[in-house]
Amino acid sequence: MSAAYREVLAVMGQNSPALVFSPFPSLWRHISLWPRAHYFGNTAPLLVAIFCLIIGVATPHYQGLGFQLIAIPFLFVFVAGVCADLLETKQRTLVMACTFGLLLAYACWSVVELA
């Protein structure tokens, strides 16, 4: 199963390197005691993404790749929802700096991949 886990990270890294790193701080913030991130708009995409990733890892062959690709938009929605909630806090400038840094790094990655 370790090969399946590496395959999931490789596919996600190829589709969006930002999604390899950004779900972990978002998930940490969602699990924390901050009640603002616990509403349905953040929890539903997280549950669907986790469900699709579990099915994708359970079927590590080509059939599981479809579930991994389905999980990517739901992870984007989850991360965006938590970031939007964090932008309404007192640490807005820090969150905005991290978000713009991540977007800038992703843009640079995309330009390098074109070359």
C-alpha atoms as a PDB file:
ATOM      1  CA  MET A   1       0.000   0.000   0.000  1.00  0.00           C
ATOM      2  CA  SER A   2       2.959   2.348   0.332  1.00  0.00           C
ATOM      3  CA  ALA A   3       3.147   2.472  -3.457  1.00  0.00           C
ATOM      4  CA  ALA A   4      -0.508   3.547  -3.553  1.00  0.00           C
ATOM      5  CA  TYR A   5       0.180   6.363  -1.088  1.00  0.00           C
ATOM      6  CA  ARG A   6       3.129   7.556  -3.154  1.00  0.00           C
ATOM      7  CA  GLU A   7       0.957   7.404  -6.267  1.00  0.00           C
ATOM      8  CA  VAL A   8      -1.712   9.566  -4.620  1.00  0.00           C
ATOM      9  CA  LEU A   9       0.883  12.187  -3.659  1.00  0.00           C
ATOM     10  CA  ALA A  10       2.470  12.030  -7.121  1.00  0.00           C
ATOM     11  CA  VAL A  11      -0.865  12.522  -8.888  1.00  0.00           C
ATOM     12  CA  MET A  12      -1.826  15.374  -6.594  1.00  0.00           C
ATOM     13  CA  GLY A  13       1.620  16.908  -6.984  1.00  0.00           C
ATOM     14  CA  GLN A  14       1.333  16.768 -10.760  1.00  0.00           C
ATOM     15  CA  ASN A  15      -2.181  18.216 -10.784  1.00  0.00           C
ATOM     16  CA  SER A  16      -1.551  20.933  -8.222  1.00  0.00           C
ATOM     17  CA  PRO A  17       1.565  21.205  -6.071  1.00  0.00           C
ATOM     18  CA  ALA A  18      -0.305  23.647  -3.842  1.00  0.00           C
ATOM     19  CA  LEU A  19      -2.681  20.859  -2.857  1.00  0.00           C
ATOM     20  CA  VAL A  20       0.175  18.794  -1.479  1.00  0.00           C
ATOM     21  CA  PHE A  21       0.837  21.385   1.235  1.00  0.00           C
ATOM     22  CA  SER A  22      -2.253  23.547   1.701  1.00  0.00           C
ATOM     23  CA  PRO A  23      -4.751  20.955   3.007  1.00  0.00           C
ATOM     24  CA  PHE A  24      -2.676  20.270   6.120  1.00  0.00           C
ATOM     25  CA  PRO A  25      -2.842  23.791   7.651  1.00  0.00           C
ATOM     26  CA  SER A  26      -6.485  24.036   6.565  1.00  0.00           C
ATOM     27  CA  LEU A  27      -7.257  20.692   8.168  1.00  0.00           C
ATOM     28  CA  TRP A  28      -5.424  21.724  11.332  1.00  0.00           C
ATOM     29  CA  ARG A  29      -7.487  24.906  11.479  1.00  0.00           C
ATOM     30  CA  HIS A  30     -10.694  22.986  10.788  1.00  0.00           C
ATOM     31  CA  ILE A  31     -10.023  20.464  13.560  1.00  0.00           C
ATOM     32  CA  SER A  32      -9.002  23.125  16.071  1.00  0.00           C
ATOM     33  CA  LEU A  33     -11.421  24.610  18.545  1.00  0.00           C
ATOM     34  CA  TRP A  34     -12.302  27.497  16.220  1.00  0.00           C
ATOM     35  CA  PRO A  35     -16.064  27.038  15.579  1.00  0.00           C
ATOM     36  CA  ARG A  36     -16.163  29.268  12.494  1.00  0.00           C
ATOM     37  CA  ALA A  37     -14.570  26.563  10.298  1.00  0.00           C
ATOM     38  CA  HIS A  38     -16.961  23.812  11.381  1.00  0.00           C
ATOM     39  CA  TYR A  39     -19.983  24.719   9.314  1.00  0.00           C
ATOM     40  CA  PHE A  40     -21.413  22.651   6.449  1.00  0.00           C
ATOM     41  CA  GLY A  41     -19.698  24.621   3.660  1.00  0.00           C
ATOM     42  CA  ASN A  42     -16.268  23.481   4.854  1.00  0.00           C
ATOM     43  CA  THR A  43     -17.122  20.067   6.229  1.00  0.00           C
ATOM     44  CA  ALA A  44     -19.010  18.681   3.220  1.00  0.00           C
ATOM     45  CA  PRO A  45     -16.179  19.141   0.670  1.00  0.00           C
ATOM     46  CA  LEU A  46     -13.701  17.746   3.191  1.00  0.00           C
ATOM     47  CA  LEU A  47     -15.767  14.604   3.738  1.00  0.00           C
ATOM     48  CA  VAL A  48     -16.270  14.046  -0.002  1.00  0.00           C
ATOM     49  CA  ALA A  49     -12.545  14.554  -0.692  1.00  0.00           C
ATOM     50  CA  ILE A  50     -11.553  12.158   2.089  1.00  0.00           C
ATOM     51  CA  PHE A  51     -14.069   9.584   0.829  1.00  0.00           C
ATOM     52  CA  CYS A  52     -12.750   9.848  -2.747  1.00  0.00           C
ATOM     53  CA  LEU A  53      -9.121   9.633  -1.602  1.00  0.00           C
ATOM     54  CA  ILE A  54      -9.868   6.556   0.506  1.00  0.00           C
ATOM     55  CA  ILE A  55     -11.502   4.860  -2.466  1.00  0.00           C
ATOM     56  CA  GLY A  56      -8.615   5.968  -4.691  1.00  0.00           C
ATOM     57  CA  VAL A  57      -6.047   4.508  -2.298  1.00  0.00           C
ATOM     58  CA  ALA A  58      -8.068   1.329  -1.824  1.00  0.00           C
ATOM     59  CA  THR A  59      -8.006   0.771  -5.590  1.00  0.00           C
ATOM     60  CA  PRO A  60      -4.433   1.807  -6.461  1.00  0.00           C
ATOM     61  CA  HIS A  61      -4.695   0.793 -10.098  1.00  0.00           C
ATOM     62  CA  TYR A  62      -6.026   2.964 -12.904  1.00  0.00           C
ATOM     63  CA  GLN A  63      -9.613   2.748 -11.643  1.00  0.00           C
ATOM     64  CA  GLY A  64      -8.625   4.559  -8.459  1.00  0.00           C
ATOM     65  CA  LEU A  65      -7.101   7.434 -10.410  1.00  0.00           C
ATOM     66  CA  GLY A  66     -10.581   8.732 -11.240  1.00  0.00           C
ATOM     67  CA  PHE A  67     -11.475   9.031  -7.567  1.00  0.00           C
ATOM     68  CA  GLN A  68      -8.243  10.888  -6.891  1.00  0.00           C
ATOM     69  CA  LEU A  69      -9.022  13.349  -9.674  1.00  0.00           C
ATOM     70  CA  ILE A  70     -12.557  13.813  -8.336  1.00  0.00           C
ATOM     71  CA  ALA A  71     -11.123  14.644  -4.899  1.00  0.00           C
ATOM     72  CA  ILE A  72      -8.996  17.549  -6.181  1.00  0.00           C
ATOM     73  CA  PRO A  73     -11.825  20.090  -6.741  1.00  0.00           C
ATOM     74  CA  PHE A  74     -13.320  19.223  -3.377  1.00  0.00           C
ATOM     75  CA  LEU A  75      -9.940  19.818  -1.715  1.00  0.00           C
ATOM     76  CA  PHE A  76      -9.751  23.183  -3.487  1.00  0.00           C
ATOM     77  CA  VAL A  77     -13.202  24.102  -2.163  1.00  0.00           C
ATOM     78  CA  PHE A  78     -12.262  23.033   1.373  1.00  0.00           C
ATOM     79  CA  VAL A  79      -8.979  24.969   1.391  1.00  0.00           C
ATOM     80  CA  ALA A  80     -10.637  28.038  -0.146  1.00  0.00           C
ATOM     81  CA  GLY A  81     -13.434  27.944   2.425  1.00  0.00           C
ATOM     82  CA  VAL A  82     -11.054  27.783   5.376  1.00  0.00           C
ATOM     83  CA  CYS A  83      -8.895  30.540   3.868  1.00  0.00           C
ATOM     84  CA  ALA A  84     -11.977  32.702   3.365  1.00  0.00           C
ATOM     85  CA  ASP A  85     -12.900  32.184   7.012  1.00  0.00           C
ATOM     86  CA  LEU A  86      -9.371  33.011   8.104  1.00  0.00           C
ATOM     87  CA  LEU A  87      -9.456  36.235   6.081  1.00  0.00           C
ATOM     88  CA  GLU A  88     -12.204  37.454   8.414  1.00  0.00           C
ATOM     89  CA  THR A  89      -9.996  37.190  11.510  1.00  0.00           C
ATOM     90  CA  LYS A  90      -7.531  39.645  13.044  1.00  0.00           C
ATOM     91  CA  GLN A  91      -4.630  37.834  11.352  1.00  0.00           C
ATOM     92  CA  ARG A  92      -5.965  38.807   7.923  1.00  0.00           C
ATOM     93  CA  THR A  93      -2.662  40.211   6.667  1.00  0.00           C
ATOM     94  CA  LEU A  94      -0.743  37.062   7.595  1.00  0.00           C
ATOM     95  CA  VAL A  95      -3.323  34.821   5.928  1.00  0.00           C
ATOM     96  CA  MET A  96      -3.356  37.020   2.835  1.00  0.00           C
ATOM     97  CA  ALA A  97       0.448  36.984   2.664  1.00  0.00           C
ATOM     98  CA  CYS A  98       0.504  33.183   2.920  1.00  0.00           C
ATOM     99  CA  THR A  99      -2.232  32.854   0.298  1.00  0.00           C
ATOM    100  CA  PHE A 100      -0.503  35.196  -2.144  1.00  0.00           C
ATOM    101  CA  GLY A 101       2.818  33.456  -1.501  1.00  0.00           C
ATOM    102  CA  LEU A 102       1.251  30.105  -2.285  1.00  0.00           C
ATOM    103  CA  LEU A 103      -0.377  31.474  -5.441  1.00  0.00           C
ATOM    104  CA  LEU A 104       2.898  33.084  -6.538  1.00  0.00           C
ATOM    105  CA  ALA A 105       4.796  29.845  -5.952  1.00  0.00           C
ATOM    106  CA  TYR A 106       2.175  27.948  -7.940  1.00  0.00           C
ATOM    107  CA  ALA A 107       2.376  30.461 -10.796  1.00  0.00           C
ATOM    108  CA  CYS A 108       6.175  30.150 -10.855  1.00  0.00           C
ATOM    109  CA  TRP A 109       5.858  26.350 -10.829  1.00  0.00           C
ATOM    110  CA  SER A 110       3.468  26.509 -13.783  1.00  0.00           C
ATOM    111  CA  VAL A 111       5.791  28.764 -15.791  1.00  0.00           C
ATOM    112  CA  VAL A 112       8.756  26.499 -15.084  1.00  0.00           C
ATOM    113  CA  GLU A 113       6.710  23.482 -16.202  1.00  0.00           C
ATOM    114  CA  LEU A 114       5.977  25.220 -19.507  1.00  0.00           C
ATOM    115  CA  ALA A 115       9.680  25.650 -20.247  1.00  0.00           C
END
